[in-house]
Amino acid sequence: MAKDEKARAKGQQVKGKIQKEAGRAVGNDRLAAKGGAKETEGQAREAKEKAKDVFKP
């Protein structure tokens, strides 16, 4: 299950990065901000999963 969650987190990071860069490319600050937020959320999810691995017996 942890690998599945890590993959979802990575996917979310990639989608966010694409959205952020697309927003920057067309000059849409709102789209860029939404993409940045999505990317950050993915990074937080990944960190959570890594922390769970550290405390795994």
N, C-alpha and C. Protein backbone atom coordinates (compact mmCIF):
# COMPACT_ATOMS: atom_id res chain seq x y z
N MET A 1 0.82 -1.18 0.00
CA MET A 1 0.00 0.00 0.00
C MET A 1 0.87 1.25 0.00
N ALA A 2 1.98 1.22 0.67
CA ALA A 2 2.84 2.40 0.75
C ALA A 2 3.39 2.76 -0.62
N LYS A 3 3.73 1.76 -1.42
CA LYS A 3 4.25 2.04 -2.76
C LYS A 3 3.18 2.69 -3.62
N ASP A 4 1.94 2.25 -3.45
CA ASP A 4 0.83 2.83 -4.19
C ASP A 4 0.64 4.30 -3.81
N GLU A 5 0.72 4.61 -2.54
CA GLU A 5 0.58 5.99 -2.07
C GLU A 5 1.75 6.86 -2.54
N LYS A 6 2.94 6.29 -2.53
CA LYS A 6 4.11 7.04 -3.01
C LYS A 6 3.97 7.35 -4.49
N ALA A 7 3.45 6.39 -5.25
CA ALA A 7 3.26 6.61 -6.69
C ALA A 7 2.21 7.70 -6.92
N ARG A 8 1.15 7.69 -6.14
CA ARG A 8 0.13 8.73 -6.26
C ARG A 8 0.71 10.10 -5.93
N ALA A 9 1.55 10.15 -4.91
CA ALA A 9 2.18 11.42 -4.51
C ALA A 9 3.08 11.93 -5.63
N LYS A 10 3.86 11.05 -6.23
CA LYS A 10 4.74 11.45 -7.34
C LYS A 10 3.91 11.94 -8.53
N GLY A 11 2.82 11.22 -8.81
CA GLY A 11 1.95 11.63 -9.91
C GLY A 11 1.35 13.00 -9.68
N GLN A 12 0.97 13.26 -8.45
CA GLN A 12 0.41 14.56 -8.10
C GLN A 12 1.46 15.66 -8.25
N GLN A 13 2.68 15.36 -7.87
CA GLN A 13 3.76 16.33 -8.03
C GLN A 13 3.99 16.66 -9.49
N VAL A 14 3.99 15.64 -10.34
CA VAL A 14 4.22 15.85 -11.76
C VAL A 14 3.08 16.66 -12.38
N LYS A 15 1.83 16.30 -12.04
CA LYS A 15 0.69 17.04 -12.56
C LYS A 15 0.75 18.50 -12.12
N GLY A 16 1.11 18.73 -10.87
CA GLY A 16 1.21 20.08 -10.36
C GLY A 16 2.29 20.88 -11.06
N LYS A 17 3.42 20.24 -11.29
CA LYS A 17 4.53 20.93 -11.97
C LYS A 17 4.14 21.31 -13.40
N ILE A 18 3.47 20.39 -14.09
CA ILE A 18 3.02 20.67 -15.46
C ILE A 18 2.03 21.83 -15.46
N GLN A 19 1.08 21.78 -14.53
CA GLN A 19 0.08 22.83 -14.44
C GLN A 19 0.72 24.18 -14.11
N LYS A 20 1.68 24.16 -13.21
CA LYS A 20 2.37 25.38 -12.82
C LYS A 20 3.13 25.98 -14.00
N GLU A 21 3.87 25.14 -14.71
CA GLU A 21 4.66 25.62 -15.85
C GLU A 21 3.75 26.08 -16.99
N ALA A 22 2.63 25.41 -17.19
CA ALA A 22 1.69 25.84 -18.23
C ALA A 22 1.13 27.21 -17.87
N GLY A 23 0.81 27.41 -16.61
CA GLY A 23 0.31 28.70 -16.17
C GLY A 23 1.32 29.80 -16.37
N ARG A 24 2.57 29.50 -16.08
CA ARG A 24 3.64 30.49 -16.29
C ARG A 24 3.81 30.80 -17.77
N ALA A 25 3.73 29.76 -18.59
CA ALA A 25 3.95 29.93 -20.03
C ALA A 25 2.91 30.83 -20.67
N VAL A 26 1.67 30.72 -20.22
CA VAL A 26 0.60 31.53 -20.82
C VAL A 26 0.33 32.80 -20.02
N GLY A 27 1.03 32.98 -18.91
CA GLY A 27 0.87 34.19 -18.11
C GLY A 27 -0.35 34.16 -17.20
N ASN A 28 -0.82 32.97 -16.87
CA ASN A 28 -1.99 32.82 -16.01
C ASN A 28 -1.51 32.54 -14.58
N ASP A 29 -1.49 33.57 -13.75
CA ASP A 29 -0.99 33.42 -12.39
C ASP A 29 -1.84 32.47 -11.55
N ARG A 30 -3.13 32.48 -11.77
CA ARG A 30 -4.03 31.61 -10.99
C ARG A 30 -3.73 30.13 -11.27
N LEU A 31 -3.57 29.79 -12.54
CA LEU A 31 -3.24 28.42 -12.93
C LEU A 31 -1.89 28.01 -12.36
N ALA A 32 -0.93 28.91 -12.42
CA ALA A 32 0.40 28.63 -11.88
C ALA A 32 0.33 28.40 -10.37
N ALA A 33 -0.48 29.18 -9.68
CA ALA A 33 -0.61 29.02 -8.22
C ALA A 33 -1.29 27.70 -7.87
N LYS A 34 -2.32 27.33 -8.63
CA LYS A 34 -3.00 26.06 -8.39
C LYS A 34 -2.04 24.89 -8.61
N GLY A 35 -1.23 24.98 -9.66
CA GLY A 35 -0.26 23.94 -9.95
C GLY A 35 0.79 23.84 -8.86
N GLY A 36 1.25 24.99 -8.37
CA GLY A 36 2.24 25.00 -7.29
C GLY A 36 1.67 24.38 -6.02
N ALA A 37 0.42 24.66 -5.74
CA ALA A 37 -0.22 24.09 -4.55
C ALA A 37 -0.35 22.58 -4.68
N LYS A 38 -0.72 22.12 -5.87
CA LYS A 38 -0.86 20.69 -6.11
C LYS A 38 0.49 19.98 -5.97
N GLU A 39 1.53 20.63 -6.48
CA GLU A 39 2.88 20.06 -6.39
C GLU A 39 3.32 19.97 -4.92
N THR A 40 3.06 21.01 -4.16
CA THR A 40 3.42 21.03 -2.75
C THR A 40 2.65 19.96 -1.97
N GLU A 41 1.38 19.78 -2.31
CA GLU A 41 0.58 18.76 -1.64
C GLU A 41 1.16 17.37 -1.92
N GLY A 42 1.59 17.15 -3.14
CA GLY A 42 2.22 15.87 -3.49
C GLY A 42 3.51 15.65 -2.72
N GLN A 43 4.28 16.70 -2.54
CA GLN A 43 5.52 16.59 -1.77
C GLN A 43 5.22 16.26 -0.31
N ALA A 44 4.17 16.85 0.24
CA ALA A 44 3.79 16.57 1.63
C ALA A 44 3.33 15.13 1.77
N ARG A 45 2.57 14.64 0.80
CA ARG A 45 2.12 13.24 0.85
C ARG A 45 3.31 12.29 0.81
N GLU A 46 4.27 12.60 -0.05
CA GLU A 46 5.45 11.75 -0.17
C GLU A 46 6.25 11.75 1.14
N ALA A 47 6.39 12.90 1.75
CA ALA A 47 7.11 13.00 3.02
C ALA A 47 6.40 12.19 4.10
N LYS A 48 5.08 12.22 4.10
CA LYS A 48 4.30 11.45 5.07
C LYS A 48 4.56 9.96 4.90
N GLU A 49 4.58 9.50 3.64
CA GLU A 49 4.81 8.08 3.39
C GLU A 49 6.24 7.67 3.78
N LYS A 50 7.20 8.55 3.53
CA LYS A 50 8.58 8.25 3.93
C LYS A 50 8.70 8.18 5.45
N ALA A 51 7.99 9.06 6.15
CA ALA A 51 8.02 9.03 7.61
C ALA A 51 7.39 7.75 8.14
N LYS A 52 6.35 7.29 7.49
CA LYS A 52 5.71 6.04 7.91
C LYS A 52 6.68 4.86 7.73
N ASP A 53 7.50 4.90 6.67
CA ASP A 53 8.47 3.85 6.43
C ASP A 53 9.54 3.81 7.51
N VAL A 54 9.91 4.98 8.01
CA VAL A 54 10.95 5.05 9.04
C VAL A 54 10.48 4.38 10.33
N PHE A 55 9.22 4.54 10.65
CA PHE A 55 8.69 4.00 11.90
C PHE A 55 8.07 2.62 11.74
N LYS A 56 8.22 2.04 10.57
CA LYS A 56 7.69 0.71 10.30
C LYS A 56 8.56 -0.33 11.04
N PRO A 57 7.93 -1.30 11.71
CA PRO A 57 8.73 -2.32 12.43
C PRO A 57 9.50 -3.22 11.51
